Amino acid sequence: MNRTELADLIVARIEAERPDLERQFAESAGAIGHFVIDDLLPVDLADRIFRQFPRPETMKLKKTLREYKYIAAQMDDYDPLLEEAIYAFQDDRVVALVKDICLMRSAYPDVHLYAGGISMMGDQQFLNPHLDNSHDKDRDRWRVLNLLYYVTPAWSEENGGNLELWPSGVTGEPITIHSRFNRLAVMATHGGSWHSVSPIDADDFRCCVSNYYFSDEPLKDGDTFHVTSFRGRPEQRLRDFALRADAALRTGIRSVFAKGIKDTGHRYKREQ
């Protein structure tokens, strides 16, 4: 199954649900626009994608106050089906459909997997509330959409590892989007789209295929450049202080440069 064949299935599923997806995004666009679509791919195919996820020790572990998870973007290190699944979401037809549903003028996929790829989160792992980096790696385009495809079979909401949207900021109440098997979640990324992943409380791994879309213009008027900026959860006051100071420092330093963001190493180096 190659990326074009996978994209054929994704396009058909999105087209079938398009009116509902447009409604979901329109109703949430005033805060953090988002939509979800369940049963994206045939169950056996979604399960095959899950079963090709690598062992965690072959991935990069990120463990800081900000986050605790495994990630990978060098996709030629892994089973080809994973790369095909990622790039199926970058098919021109899929990009165009999602762009139109989200009422965007332009959209471009993250071909370098600057922040996309695959991720795994196991017991006690988490992703604190944060804003995604506002731009692509060259600061030419705005980051505008996050596409998350969840593939762990029988993953219950009680296991944690769910997407949380904070439309009123991190002192408000989050909207929880269950990272259920074979679900695609699409969310807007802009200067107010605080989101997180709830801590996992299960002896298992939540697996996700991730993509970002970029645009020539910001999703919301008035958006400004910022680095990926983390906050503490409402009960994490000391952590929140440290993370806010960290974000302010990094944004201040990088705002000095007209172009370019430090290479995090998380991108697909195709020449290798």
C-alpha atoms as a PDB file:
ATOM      1  CA  MET A   1       0.000   0.000   0.000  1.00  0.00           C
ATOM      2  CA  ASN A   2       1.693   3.207  -1.155  1.00  0.00           C
ATOM      3  CA  ARG A   3       0.990   6.832  -0.249  1.00  0.00           C
ATOM      4  CA  THR A   4      -1.226   7.442  -3.267  1.00  0.00           C
ATOM      5  CA  GLU A   5      -3.414   4.448  -2.458  1.00  0.00           C
ATOM      6  CA  LEU A   6      -3.592   5.540   1.176  1.00  0.00           C
ATOM      7  CA  ALA A   7      -4.481   9.058   0.069  1.00  0.00           C
ATOM      8  CA  ASP A   8      -7.275   7.661  -2.115  1.00  0.00           C
ATOM      9  CA  LEU A   9      -8.861   6.189   1.022  1.00  0.00           C
ATOM     10  CA  ILE A  10      -8.326   9.345   3.086  1.00  0.00           C
ATOM     11  CA  VAL A  11      -9.841  11.555   0.391  1.00  0.00           C
ATOM     12  CA  ALA A  12     -12.904   9.317   0.081  1.00  0.00           C
ATOM     13  CA  ARG A  13     -13.442   9.321   3.849  1.00  0.00           C
ATOM     14  CA  ILE A  14     -13.049  13.084   4.183  1.00  0.00           C
ATOM     15  CA  GLU A  15     -15.370  13.724   1.250  1.00  0.00           C
ATOM     16  CA  ALA A  16     -18.005  11.469   2.817  1.00  0.00           C
ATOM     17  CA  GLU A  17     -17.900  13.444   6.073  1.00  0.00           C
ATOM     18  CA  ARG A  18     -17.137  16.878   4.663  1.00  0.00           C
ATOM     19  CA  PRO A  19     -20.328  18.718   5.744  1.00  0.00           C
ATOM     20  CA  ASP A  20     -19.868  17.571   9.339  1.00  0.00           C
ATOM     21  CA  LEU A  21     -16.150  18.425   9.315  1.00  0.00           C
ATOM     22  CA  GLU A  22     -16.918  21.914   8.000  1.00  0.00           C
ATOM     23  CA  ARG A  23     -19.487  22.344  10.772  1.00  0.00           C
ATOM     24  CA  GLN A  24     -17.060  21.165  13.461  1.00  0.00           C
ATOM     25  CA  PHE A  25     -14.338  23.552  12.360  1.00  0.00           C
ATOM     26  CA  ALA A  26     -16.670  26.529  11.886  1.00  0.00           C
ATOM     27  CA  GLU A  27     -18.196  26.069  15.346  1.00  0.00           C
ATOM     28  CA  SER A  28     -14.773  26.012  17.012  1.00  0.00           C
ATOM     29  CA  ALA A  29     -12.922  28.507  14.809  1.00  0.00           C
ATOM     30  CA  GLY A  30     -13.523  31.420  17.186  1.00  0.00           C
ATOM     31  CA  ALA A  31     -11.183  29.792  19.695  1.00  0.00           C
ATOM     32  CA  ILE A  32      -9.102  26.824  18.513  1.00  0.00           C
ATOM     33  CA  GLY A  33     -10.571  25.529  15.293  1.00  0.00           C
ATOM     34  CA  HIS A  34     -10.585  21.745  15.052  1.00  0.00           C
ATOM     35  CA  PHE A  35     -12.351  18.701  13.698  1.00  0.00           C
ATOM     36  CA  VAL A  36     -12.098  14.946  14.143  1.00  0.00           C
ATOM     37  CA  ILE A  37     -12.954  12.108  11.810  1.00  0.00           C
ATOM     38  CA  ASP A  38     -13.254   8.521  13.038  1.00  0.00           C
ATOM     39  CA  ASP A  39     -12.638   5.278  11.144  1.00  0.00           C
ATOM     40  CA  LEU A  40     -10.346   7.088   8.743  1.00  0.00           C
ATOM     41  CA  LEU A  41      -8.893   3.936   7.170  1.00  0.00           C
ATOM     42  CA  PRO A  42     -10.038   0.328   7.003  1.00  0.00           C
ATOM     43  CA  VAL A  43      -9.446  -1.247  10.401  1.00  0.00           C
ATOM     44  CA  ASP A  44      -6.984  -3.854   9.170  1.00  0.00           C
ATOM     45  CA  LEU A  45      -4.895  -1.181   7.455  1.00  0.00           C
ATOM     46  CA  ALA A  46      -4.854   1.089  10.523  1.00  0.00           C
ATOM     47  CA  ASP A  47      -3.778  -1.906  12.570  1.00  0.00           C
ATOM     48  CA  ARG A  48      -0.976  -2.670  10.107  1.00  0.00           C
ATOM     49  CA  ILE A  49       0.331   0.883  10.493  1.00  0.00           C
ATOM     50  CA  PHE A  50       0.305   0.477  14.263  1.00  0.00           C
ATOM     51  CA  ARG A  51       2.150  -2.840  14.109  1.00  0.00           C
ATOM     52  CA  GLN A  52       4.971  -1.256  12.102  1.00  0.00           C
ATOM     53  CA  PHE A  53       5.785   1.293  14.804  1.00  0.00           C
ATOM     54  CA  PRO A  54       9.370   0.735  15.959  1.00  0.00           C
ATOM     55  CA  ARG A  55      10.648  -0.162  19.400  1.00  0.00           C
ATOM     56  CA  PRO A  56      10.926   2.975  21.539  1.00  0.00           C
ATOM     57  CA  GLU A  57      14.664   2.540  22.055  1.00  0.00           C
ATOM     58  CA  THR A  58      15.185   3.116  18.307  1.00  0.00           C
ATOM     59  CA  MET A  59      13.532   6.546  18.534  1.00  0.00           C
ATOM     60  CA  LYS A  60      14.641   9.830  20.087  1.00  0.00           C
ATOM     61  CA  LEU A  61      13.570  10.298  23.694  1.00  0.00           C
ATOM     62  CA  LYS A  62      12.652  13.837  24.715  1.00  0.00           C
ATOM     63  CA  LYS A  63      12.502  14.147  28.504  1.00  0.00           C
ATOM     64  CA  THR A  64      12.350  17.644  29.993  1.00  0.00           C
ATOM     65  CA  LEU A  65       9.999  19.790  32.057  1.00  0.00           C
ATOM     66  CA  ARG A  66       8.221  20.515  28.785  1.00  0.00           C
ATOM     67  CA  GLU A  67       7.614  17.008  27.486  1.00  0.00           C
ATOM     68  CA  TYR A  68       8.358  13.325  27.866  1.00  0.00           C
ATOM     69  CA  LYS A  69       7.891  11.265  24.705  1.00  0.00           C
ATOM     70  CA  TYR A  70       9.551   9.348  21.864  1.00  0.00           C
ATOM     71  CA  ILE A  71       9.741  10.883  18.377  1.00  0.00           C
ATOM     72  CA  ALA A  72      11.220  10.043  14.971  1.00  0.00           C
ATOM     73  CA  ALA A  73      11.465  11.770  11.594  1.00  0.00           C
ATOM     74  CA  GLN A  74      14.220   9.840   9.776  1.00  0.00           C
ATOM     75  CA  MET A  75      11.652   7.575   8.233  1.00  0.00           C
ATOM     76  CA  ASP A  76      13.961   5.483   6.058  1.00  0.00           C
ATOM     77  CA  ASP A  77      15.162   3.917   9.318  1.00  0.00           C
ATOM     78  CA  TYR A  78      11.782   2.206   9.728  1.00  0.00           C
ATOM     79  CA  ASP A  79       9.234   0.106   7.886  1.00  0.00           C
ATOM     80  CA  PRO A  80       8.240   1.815   4.587  1.00  0.00           C
ATOM     81  CA  LEU A  81       4.547   1.734   5.478  1.00  0.00           C
ATOM     82  CA  LEU A  82       5.115   4.393   8.140  1.00  0.00           C
ATOM     83  CA  GLU A  83       6.636   6.804   5.636  1.00  0.00           C
ATOM     84  CA  GLU A  84       3.846   6.095   3.159  1.00  0.00           C
ATOM     85  CA  ALA A  85       1.251   6.789   5.865  1.00  0.00           C
ATOM     86  CA  ILE A  86       2.847  10.118   6.784  1.00  0.00           C
ATOM     87  CA  TYR A  87       3.132  11.340   3.216  1.00  0.00           C
ATOM     88  CA  ALA A  88      -0.385  10.225   2.302  1.00  0.00           C
ATOM     89  CA  PHE A  89      -1.547  13.240   4.318  1.00  0.00           C
ATOM     90  CA  GLN A  90       0.665  15.410   2.087  1.00  0.00           C
ATOM     91  CA  ASP A  91      -1.046  14.308  -1.124  1.00  0.00           C
ATOM     92  CA  ASP A  92      -2.249  17.396  -3.022  1.00  0.00           C
ATOM     93  CA  ARG A  93      -5.849  16.227  -2.858  1.00  0.00           C
ATOM     94  CA  VAL A  94      -5.793  15.761   0.917  1.00  0.00           C
ATOM     95  CA  VAL A  95      -4.109  19.120   1.446  1.00  0.00           C
ATOM     96  CA  ALA A  96      -6.662  20.862  -0.771  1.00  0.00           C
ATOM     97  CA  LEU A  97      -9.615  19.251   0.987  1.00  0.00           C
ATOM     98  CA  VAL A  98      -8.385  20.141   4.457  1.00  0.00           C
ATOM     99  CA  LYS A  99      -7.493  23.666   3.307  1.00  0.00           C
ATOM    100  CA  ASP A 100     -11.018  24.224   2.029  1.00  0.00           C
ATOM    101  CA  ILE A 101     -12.672  22.759   5.126  1.00  0.00           C
ATOM    102  CA  CYS A 102     -10.621  25.140   7.277  1.00  0.00           C
ATOM    103  CA  LEU A 103     -11.298  28.124   4.982  1.00  0.00           C
ATOM    104  CA  MET A 104      -7.626  28.780   4.278  1.00  0.00           C
ATOM    105  CA  ARG A 105      -6.280  30.649   1.243  1.00  0.00           C
ATOM    106  CA  SER A 106      -3.121  28.544   0.972  1.00  0.00           C
ATOM    107  CA  ALA A 107      -1.678  25.388   2.501  1.00  0.00           C
ATOM    108  CA  TYR A 108       1.587  23.494   2.098  1.00  0.00           C
ATOM    109  CA  PRO A 109       2.590  20.200   3.715  1.00  0.00           C
ATOM    110  CA  ASP A 110       5.650  19.717   5.914  1.00  0.00           C
ATOM    111  CA  VAL A 111       7.771  17.824   3.390  1.00  0.00           C
ATOM    112  CA  HIS A 112      10.879  17.966   5.597  1.00  0.00           C
ATOM    113  CA  LEU A 113       8.977  16.654   8.652  1.00  0.00           C
ATOM    114  CA  TYR A 114      10.429  19.606  10.540  1.00  0.00           C
ATOM    115  CA  ALA A 115       8.170  18.710  13.442  1.00  0.00           C
ATOM    116  CA  GLY A 116       6.154  15.839  11.991  1.00  0.00           C
ATOM    117  CA  GLY A 117       6.790  12.117  11.693  1.00  0.00           C
ATOM    118  CA  ILE A 118       5.825   9.550  14.301  1.00  0.00           C
ATOM    119  CA  SER A 119       5.585   9.680  18.070  1.00  0.00           C
ATOM    120  CA  MET A 120       5.024   7.247  20.919  1.00  0.00           C
ATOM    121  CA  MET A 121       4.081   7.988  24.512  1.00  0.00           C
ATOM    122  CA  GLY A 122       4.102   5.402  27.283  1.00  0.00           C
ATOM    123  CA  ASP A 123       3.354   5.220  30.990  1.00  0.00           C
ATOM    124  CA  GLN A 124       3.754   8.601  32.787  1.00  0.00           C
ATOM    125  CA  GLN A 125       4.775  10.381  29.587  1.00  0.00           C
ATOM    126  CA  PHE A 126       3.187  13.732  28.719  1.00  0.00           C
ATOM    127  CA  LEU A 127       3.267  16.908  26.675  1.00  0.00           C
ATOM    128  CA  ASN A 128       2.688  20.095  28.659  1.00  0.00           C
ATOM    129  CA  PRO A 129       0.467  22.938  27.387  1.00  0.00           C
ATOM    130  CA  HIS A 130       2.246  24.784  24.590  1.00  0.00           C
ATOM    131  CA  LEU A 131       2.013  26.865  21.443  1.00  0.00           C
ATOM    132  CA  ASP A 132       3.637  25.376  18.377  1.00  0.00           C
ATOM    133  CA  ASN A 133       6.431  27.272  16.663  1.00  0.00           C
ATOM    134  CA  SER A 134       4.762  29.926  14.508  1.00  0.00           C
ATOM    135  CA  HIS A 135       6.740  29.174  11.320  1.00  0.00           C
ATOM    136  CA  ASP A 136       8.502  26.591   9.211  1.00  0.00           C
ATOM    137  CA  LYS A 137      12.214  25.946   9.635  1.00  0.00           C
ATOM    138  CA  ASP A 138      13.206  28.837   7.307  1.00  0.00           C
ATOM    139  CA  ARG A 139      10.624  31.262   8.700  1.00  0.00           C
ATOM    140  CA  ASP A 140       9.115  31.665   5.243  1.00  0.00           C
ATOM    141  CA  ARG A 141       5.628  30.322   5.998  1.00  0.00           C
ATOM    142  CA  TRP A 142       3.258  30.238   8.921  1.00  0.00           C
ATOM    143  CA  ARG A 143       2.425  26.995  10.691  1.00  0.00           C
ATOM    144  CA  VAL A 144      -1.351  26.762  10.581  1.00  0.00           C
ATOM    145  CA  LEU A 145      -2.625  23.188  11.037  1.00  0.00           C
ATOM    146  CA  ASN A 146      -1.641  20.125  13.040  1.00  0.00           C
ATOM    147  CA  LEU A 147      -2.864  16.721  11.774  1.00  0.00           C
ATOM    148  CA  LEU A 148      -2.703  13.857  14.273  1.00  0.00           C
ATOM    149  CA  TYR A 149      -3.632  10.327  13.262  1.00  0.00           C
ATOM    150  CA  TYR A 150      -3.928   7.910  16.215  1.00  0.00           C
ATOM    151  CA  VAL A 151      -3.368   4.213  15.602  1.00  0.00           C
ATOM    152  CA  THR A 152      -3.203   2.343  18.926  1.00  0.00           C
ATOM    153  CA  PRO A 153      -6.012  -0.282  18.948  1.00  0.00           C
ATOM    154  CA  ALA A 154      -8.480  -0.257  21.834  1.00  0.00           C
ATOM    155  CA  TRP A 155      -6.937   2.864  23.396  1.00  0.00           C
ATOM    156  CA  SER A 156      -9.335   4.051  26.097  1.00  0.00           C
ATOM    157  CA  GLU A 157      -9.794   7.660  27.125  1.00  0.00           C
ATOM    158  CA  GLU A 158      -8.941   6.673  30.708  1.00  0.00           C
ATOM    159  CA  ASN A 159      -5.432   5.695  29.556  1.00  0.00           C
ATOM    160  CA  GLY A 160      -4.572   9.370  29.067  1.00  0.00           C
ATOM    161  CA  GLY A 161      -2.451  10.473  26.142  1.00  0.00           C
ATOM    162  CA  ASN A 162      -5.393  12.506  24.868  1.00  0.00           C
ATOM    163  CA  LEU A 163      -5.190  15.779  22.975  1.00  0.00           C
ATOM    164  CA  GLU A 164      -6.208  18.738  25.138  1.00  0.00           C
ATOM    165  CA  LEU A 165      -7.181  22.133  23.707  1.00  0.00           C
ATOM    166  CA  TRP A 166      -7.147  25.172  26.021  1.00  0.00           C
ATOM    167  CA  PRO A 167      -9.359  27.789  24.297  1.00  0.00           C
ATOM    168  CA  SER A 168      -9.373  30.043  27.386  1.00  0.00           C
ATOM    169  CA  GLY A 169      -5.672  29.641  28.077  1.00  0.00           C
ATOM    170  CA  VAL A 170      -3.960  27.310  30.505  1.00  0.00           C
ATOM    171  CA  THR A 171      -5.848  28.671  33.522  1.00  0.00           C
ATOM    172  CA  GLY A 172      -9.163  27.605  31.987  1.00  0.00           C
ATOM    173  CA  GLU A 173     -10.669  24.209  31.328  1.00  0.00           C
ATOM    174  CA  PRO A 174      -9.366  22.114  28.432  1.00  0.00           C
ATOM    175  CA  ILE A 175     -11.386  20.397  25.748  1.00  0.00           C
ATOM    176  CA  THR A 176     -10.314  16.748  25.689  1.00  0.00           C
ATOM    177  CA  ILE A 177     -10.139  14.911  22.371  1.00  0.00           C
ATOM    178  CA  HIS A 178      -9.800  11.179  22.918  1.00  0.00           C
ATOM    179  CA  SER A 179      -6.848   9.742  20.991  1.00  0.00           C
ATOM    180  CA  ARG A 180      -8.924   6.758  19.948  1.00  0.00           C
ATOM    181  CA  PHE A 181      -7.817   4.187  17.405  1.00  0.00           C
ATOM    182  CA  ASN A 182      -8.129   5.179  13.739  1.00  0.00           C
ATOM    183  CA  ARG A 183      -9.081   8.792  14.505  1.00  0.00           C
ATOM    184  CA  LEU A 184      -7.708  11.838  12.711  1.00  0.00           C
ATOM    185  CA  ALA A 185      -7.711  15.082  14.683  1.00  0.00           C
ATOM    186  CA  VAL A 186      -7.007  18.345  12.865  1.00  0.00           C
ATOM    187  CA  MET A 187      -6.419  21.517  14.883  1.00  0.00           C
ATOM    188  CA  ALA A 188      -5.512  25.113  14.123  1.00  0.00           C
ATOM    189  CA  THR A 189      -2.148  26.425  15.260  1.00  0.00           C
ATOM    190  CA  HIS A 190      -1.820  30.137  15.971  1.00  0.00           C
ATOM    191  CA  GLY A 191      -0.862  32.475  18.782  1.00  0.00           C
ATOM    192  CA  GLY A 192      -3.779  31.366  20.963  1.00  0.00           C
ATOM    193  CA  SER A 193      -3.932  27.643  20.258  1.00  0.00           C
ATOM    194  CA  TRP A 194      -2.628  26.268  23.539  1.00  0.00           C
ATOM    195  CA  HIS A 195      -2.743  22.468  23.513  1.00  0.00           C
ATOM    196  CA  SER A 196      -1.245  19.519  25.368  1.00  0.00           C
ATOM    197  CA  VAL A 197      -1.309  15.752  25.759  1.00  0.00           C
ATOM    198  CA  SER A 198      -2.596  14.409  29.047  1.00  0.00           C
ATOM    199  CA  PRO A 199      -0.217  12.177  31.077  1.00  0.00           C
ATOM    200  CA  ILE A 200      -0.479   8.509  30.268  1.00  0.00           C
ATOM    201  CA  ASP A 201      -1.566   6.094  32.973  1.00  0.00           C
ATOM    202  CA  ALA A 202      -1.232   2.746  31.200  1.00  0.00           C
ATOM    203  CA  ASP A 203       1.406   0.116  30.570  1.00  0.00           C
ATOM    204  CA  ASP A 204       1.168   0.624  26.825  1.00  0.00           C
ATOM    205  CA  PHE A 205       2.141   3.093  24.106  1.00  0.00           C
ATOM    206  CA  ARG A 206      -0.089   5.606  22.367  1.00  0.00           C
ATOM    207  CA  CYS A 207       1.156   5.847  18.774  1.00  0.00           C
ATOM    208  CA  CYS A 208       0.578   8.767  16.451  1.00  0.00           C
ATOM    209  CA  VAL A 209       1.339   9.788  12.868  1.00  0.00           C
ATOM    210  CA  SER A 210       1.876  13.560  12.768  1.00  0.00           C
ATOM    211  CA  ASN A 211       1.819  16.191  10.037  1.00  0.00           C
ATOM    212  CA  TYR A 212       1.811  19.981   9.904  1.00  0.00           C
ATOM    213  CA  TYR A 213       0.576  22.317   7.200  1.00  0.00           C
ATOM    214  CA  PHE A 214       2.005  25.770   6.525  1.00  0.00           C
ATOM    215  CA  SER A 215       0.560  28.816   4.793  1.00  0.00           C
ATOM    216  CA  ASP A 216       1.604  32.100   3.199  1.00  0.00           C
ATOM    217  CA  GLU A 217      -0.447  33.951   5.777  1.00  0.00           C
ATOM    218  CA  PRO A 218      -1.195  33.406   9.489  1.00  0.00           C
ATOM    219  CA  LEU A 219      -4.438  31.696  10.405  1.00  0.00           C
ATOM    220  CA  LYS A 220      -5.381  34.648  12.612  1.00  0.00           C
ATOM    221  CA  ASP A 221      -4.757  38.331  11.963  1.00  0.00           C
ATOM    222  CA  GLY A 222      -2.225  39.869  14.298  1.00  0.00           C
ATOM    223  CA  ASP A 223      -0.203  36.710  14.887  1.00  0.00           C
ATOM    224  CA  THR A 224       3.498  37.301  15.493  1.00  0.00           C
ATOM    225  CA  PHE A 225       6.612  35.154  15.427  1.00  0.00           C
ATOM    226  CA  HIS A 226       7.165  32.873  18.437  1.00  0.00           C
ATOM    227  CA  VAL A 227       9.133  29.767  19.234  1.00  0.00           C
ATOM    228  CA  THR A 228       7.463  26.672  20.650  1.00  0.00           C
ATOM    229  CA  SER A 229       6.344  28.003  24.027  1.00  0.00           C
ATOM    230  CA  PHE A 230       5.421  25.812  26.988  1.00  0.00           C
ATOM    231  CA  ARG A 231       3.441  26.446  30.165  1.00  0.00           C
ATOM    232  CA  GLY A 232       2.781  24.482  33.303  1.00  0.00           C
ATOM    233  CA  ARG A 233      -0.570  22.933  34.005  1.00  0.00           C
ATOM    234  CA  PRO A 234      -2.778  24.906  36.436  1.00  0.00           C
ATOM    235  CA  GLU A 235      -1.428  22.942  39.411  1.00  0.00           C
ATOM    236  CA  GLN A 236       2.236  23.271  38.282  1.00  0.00           C
ATOM    237  CA  ARG A 237       3.020  26.802  39.450  1.00  0.00           C
ATOM    238  CA  LEU A 238       6.785  26.469  39.783  1.00  0.00           C
ATOM    239  CA  ARG A 239       7.064  24.645  36.483  1.00  0.00           C
ATOM    240  CA  ASP A 240       4.913  27.291  34.835  1.00  0.00           C
ATOM    241  CA  PHE A 241       7.253  30.053  36.042  1.00  0.00           C
ATOM    242  CA  ALA A 242      10.312  28.228  34.692  1.00  0.00           C
ATOM    243  CA  LEU A 243       8.694  27.419  31.338  1.00  0.00           C
ATOM    244  CA  ARG A 244       7.432  30.967  30.787  1.00  0.00           C
ATOM    245  CA  ALA A 245      10.898  32.358  31.442  1.00  0.00           C
ATOM    246  CA  ASP A 246      12.404  29.804  29.060  1.00  0.00           C
ATOM    247  CA  ALA A 247       9.960  30.695  26.279  1.00  0.00           C
ATOM    248  CA  ALA A 248      10.520  34.438  26.692  1.00  0.00           C
ATOM    249  CA  LEU A 249      14.285  34.023  26.512  1.00  0.00           C
ATOM    250  CA  ARG A 250      14.230  31.782  23.435  1.00  0.00           C
ATOM    251  CA  THR A 251      11.733  34.002  21.601  1.00  0.00           C
ATOM    252  CA  GLY A 252      13.791  37.099  22.357  1.00  0.00           C
ATOM    253  CA  ILE A 253      16.997  35.543  21.058  1.00  0.00           C
ATOM    254  CA  ARG A 254      15.488  34.128  17.869  1.00  0.00           C
ATOM    255  CA  SER A 255      13.508  37.271  17.062  1.00  0.00           C
ATOM    256  CA  VAL A 256      16.823  39.011  16.478  1.00  0.00           C
ATOM    257  CA  PHE A 257      17.464  36.922  13.387  1.00  0.00           C
ATOM    258  CA  ALA A 258      15.598  37.779  10.204  1.00  0.00           C
ATOM    259  CA  LYS A 259      15.722  34.195   8.955  1.00  0.00           C
ATOM    260  CA  GLY A 260      16.251  30.740  10.210  1.00  0.00           C
ATOM    261  CA  ILE A 261      15.527  28.785  13.345  1.00  0.00           C
ATOM    262  CA  LYS A 262      18.062  26.591  15.037  1.00  0.00           C
ATOM    263  CA  ASP A 263      18.022  23.107  13.565  1.00  0.00           C
ATOM    264  CA  THR A 264      16.523  20.849  16.212  1.00  0.00           C
ATOM    265  CA  GLY A 265      17.610  17.737  14.337  1.00  0.00           C
ATOM    266  CA  HIS A 266      13.976  16.650  14.106  1.00  0.00           C
ATOM    267  CA  ARG A 267      13.551  16.591  10.338  1.00  0.00           C
ATOM    268  CA  TYR A 268      13.821  14.072   7.547  1.00  0.00           C
ATOM    269  CA  LYS A 269      17.371  14.248   6.202  1.00  0.00           C
ATOM    270  CA  ARG A 270      16.654  12.632   2.863  1.00  0.00           C
ATOM    271  CA  GLU A 271      20.277  12.693   1.711  1.00  0.00           C
ATOM    272  CA  GLN A 272      21.204  10.108   4.335  1.00  0.00           C
END
